[in-house]
Amino acid sequence: MKFMEKVWGSLGLFEPAEEDSLRNEETDLKTRQKNNNVVSLPTASNNSQQSAKQVKVMVVEPFSFDDAQNVADYLKSRKPVVVNLENTDPEISKRMIDFISGTTYALNGQIQKVGNNIFLCAPNNVDVAYSPRDDNNKTQLPWANK
């Protein structure tokens, strides 16, 4: 009858007597003590979520020099910024790039041109891997020039 009581108890159809529940708790404790070297391993997705905080990339399309301070503030708060200067006056663009370059340098960051008048400014907590596509710089073989 003990076997059926266990089955019914696991299904929630039977509540064991107080003595039985105490005995079951003791058995559970003994089992846990025997298996104390068992460790649950976190999954890859849980581990990556805990160790790496998601980074938000800011995209700024400035129209006046005053917007350069916003870019500097984002960099100070360790957020990468994409600066799109395509619709900005060329004189203002030059001044902004000078200001943002100085800010990036002061914060040990990187600034990289990624397009026509588009720049990526990254603080020191962000690594930028850039490989320019240069069709004109093909490998030249000495025997191919003849």
Protein backbone atom coordinates (compact mmCIF):
# COMPACT_ATOMS: atom_id res chain seq x y z
CA MET A 1 0.00 0.00 0.00
CA LYS A 2 2.99 2.36 0.51
CA PHE A 3 3.69 2.33 -3.21
CA MET A 4 0.16 3.42 -4.09
CA GLU A 5 0.26 6.14 -1.41
CA LYS A 6 3.42 7.54 -3.01
CA VAL A 7 1.83 7.51 -6.46
CA TRP A 8 -1.35 9.14 -5.24
CA GLY A 9 0.65 11.62 -3.19
CA SER A 10 2.71 12.65 -6.21
CA LEU A 11 -0.52 13.20 -8.14
CA GLY A 12 -1.98 15.24 -5.29
CA LEU A 13 -4.75 12.73 -4.64
CA PHE A 14 -3.49 11.61 -1.25
CA GLU A 15 -2.02 13.49 1.68
CA PRO A 16 0.42 11.40 3.68
CA ALA A 17 0.09 11.21 7.43
CA GLU A 18 2.29 13.53 9.49
CA GLU A 19 4.71 10.69 10.31
CA ASP A 20 5.05 9.81 6.65
CA SER A 21 5.67 13.42 5.63
CA LEU A 22 8.40 13.76 8.29
CA ARG A 23 9.99 10.54 7.10
CA ASN A 24 9.84 11.78 3.48
CA GLU A 25 11.49 15.09 4.48
CA GLU A 26 14.30 13.20 6.21
CA THR A 27 14.79 11.06 3.12
CA ASP A 28 14.84 14.17 0.93
CA LEU A 29 17.47 15.77 3.18
CA LYS A 30 19.64 12.67 3.06
CA THR A 31 19.34 12.57 -0.73
CA ARG A 32 20.31 16.24 -0.97
CA GLN A 33 23.31 15.68 1.29
CA LYS A 34 24.49 12.79 -0.87
CA ASN A 35 24.11 14.86 -4.02
CA ASN A 36 25.66 18.07 -2.70
CA ASN A 37 28.30 17.97 -5.43
CA VAL A 38 25.67 18.39 -8.14
CA VAL A 39 25.78 21.89 -9.58
CA SER A 40 23.27 23.39 -11.96
CA LEU A 41 24.95 24.87 -15.00
CA PRO A 42 23.57 28.07 -16.46
CA THR A 43 22.60 27.97 -20.09
CA ALA A 44 24.54 30.00 -22.64
CA SER A 45 21.72 32.51 -23.07
CA ASN A 46 21.39 33.09 -19.32
CA ASN A 47 25.15 33.45 -18.93
CA SER A 48 25.47 35.96 -21.76
CA GLN A 49 22.56 38.02 -20.45
CA GLN A 50 24.12 38.25 -17.02
CA SER A 51 27.66 39.01 -18.13
CA ALA A 52 27.02 41.35 -21.03
CA LYS A 53 24.76 44.33 -20.64
CA GLN A 54 23.01 45.38 -23.81
CA VAL A 55 24.53 48.51 -25.36
CA LYS A 56 22.28 51.12 -26.92
CA VAL A 57 23.66 52.92 -29.99
CA MET A 58 22.55 56.52 -30.37
CA VAL A 59 21.99 57.98 -33.85
CA VAL A 60 22.26 61.76 -34.08
CA GLU A 61 21.57 63.97 -37.08
CA PRO A 62 22.70 67.41 -35.90
CA PHE A 63 21.65 70.69 -37.50
CA SER A 64 23.51 73.14 -35.29
CA PHE A 65 26.78 73.16 -33.37
CA ASP A 66 24.81 72.96 -30.09
CA ASP A 67 24.01 69.32 -30.92
CA ALA A 68 27.70 68.44 -30.53
CA GLN A 69 27.29 68.67 -26.77
CA ASN A 70 24.57 65.99 -26.91
CA VAL A 71 27.00 63.68 -28.70
CA ALA A 72 29.65 64.40 -26.06
CA ASP A 73 27.14 63.63 -23.29
CA TYR A 74 26.30 60.27 -24.88
CA LEU A 75 30.00 59.43 -25.12
CA LYS A 76 30.54 60.42 -21.48
CA SER A 77 27.75 58.01 -20.51
CA ARG A 78 29.63 55.29 -22.46
CA LYS A 79 27.14 54.99 -25.33
CA PRO A 80 28.33 54.68 -28.93
CA VAL A 81 27.02 57.37 -31.28
CA VAL A 82 26.48 57.41 -35.02
CA VAL A 83 26.68 61.01 -36.24
CA ASN A 84 25.03 61.69 -39.59
CA LEU A 85 26.27 65.01 -40.97
CA GLU A 86 24.81 64.62 -44.49
CA ASN A 87 22.24 67.39 -44.00
CA THR A 88 24.45 69.65 -41.88
CA ASP A 89 26.12 72.80 -43.16
CA PRO A 90 29.75 71.99 -44.16
CA GLU A 91 31.25 74.68 -41.88
CA ILE A 92 29.26 73.43 -38.90
CA SER A 93 30.19 69.83 -39.78
CA LYS A 94 33.91 70.66 -39.61
CA ARG A 95 33.54 72.34 -36.23
CA MET A 96 31.45 69.46 -34.90
CA ILE A 97 33.93 66.82 -36.05
CA ASP A 98 36.72 68.76 -34.36
CA PHE A 99 34.75 68.98 -31.12
CA ILE A 100 33.57 65.35 -31.19
CA SER A 101 37.06 64.09 -32.11
CA GLY A 102 38.49 65.94 -29.12
CA THR A 103 35.83 64.52 -26.83
CA THR A 104 36.40 61.00 -28.14
CA TYR A 105 40.15 61.32 -27.70
CA ALA A 106 39.78 62.67 -24.16
CA LEU A 107 37.59 59.67 -23.25
CA ASN A 108 40.06 57.16 -24.83
CA GLY A 109 37.48 56.27 -27.45
CA GLN A 110 37.54 55.85 -31.21
CA ILE A 111 36.03 57.77 -34.08
CA GLN A 112 35.64 56.12 -37.47
CA LYS A 113 34.21 57.38 -40.74
CA VAL A 114 31.70 54.79 -41.92
CA GLY A 115 30.14 56.62 -44.84
CA ASN A 116 29.91 59.93 -46.65
CA ASN A 117 29.68 62.41 -43.75
CA ILE A 118 28.67 59.61 -41.35
CA PHE A 119 30.87 58.87 -38.34
CA LEU A 120 30.84 56.26 -35.60
CA CYS A 121 32.05 57.56 -32.23
CA ALA A 122 32.70 54.80 -29.73
CA PRO A 123 33.72 55.15 -26.07
CA ASN A 124 36.48 52.98 -24.64
CA ASN A 125 34.06 50.21 -23.59
CA VAL A 126 33.18 49.50 -27.25
CA ASP A 127 35.58 47.86 -29.70
CA VAL A 128 35.20 48.85 -33.32
CA ALA A 129 36.40 46.38 -35.92
CA TYR A 130 36.65 48.08 -39.28
CA SER A 131 37.92 46.65 -42.53
CA PRO A 132 37.71 49.15 -45.38
CA ARG A 133 36.68 47.88 -48.76
CA ASP A 134 39.39 49.07 -51.09
CA ASP A 135 39.03 47.78 -54.65
CA ASN A 136 42.00 49.80 -55.91
CA ASN A 137 44.47 48.18 -53.52
CA LYS A 138 44.52 44.71 -55.07
CA THR A 139 47.47 42.47 -54.50
CA GLN A 140 49.99 43.23 -57.17
CA LEU A 141 52.12 40.44 -58.49
CA PRO A 142 55.43 41.43 -60.08
CA TRP A 143 54.95 39.09 -63.02
CA ALA A 144 51.41 40.34 -63.73
CA ASN A 145 52.63 43.86 -64.67
CA LYS A 146 54.33 42.65 -67.88
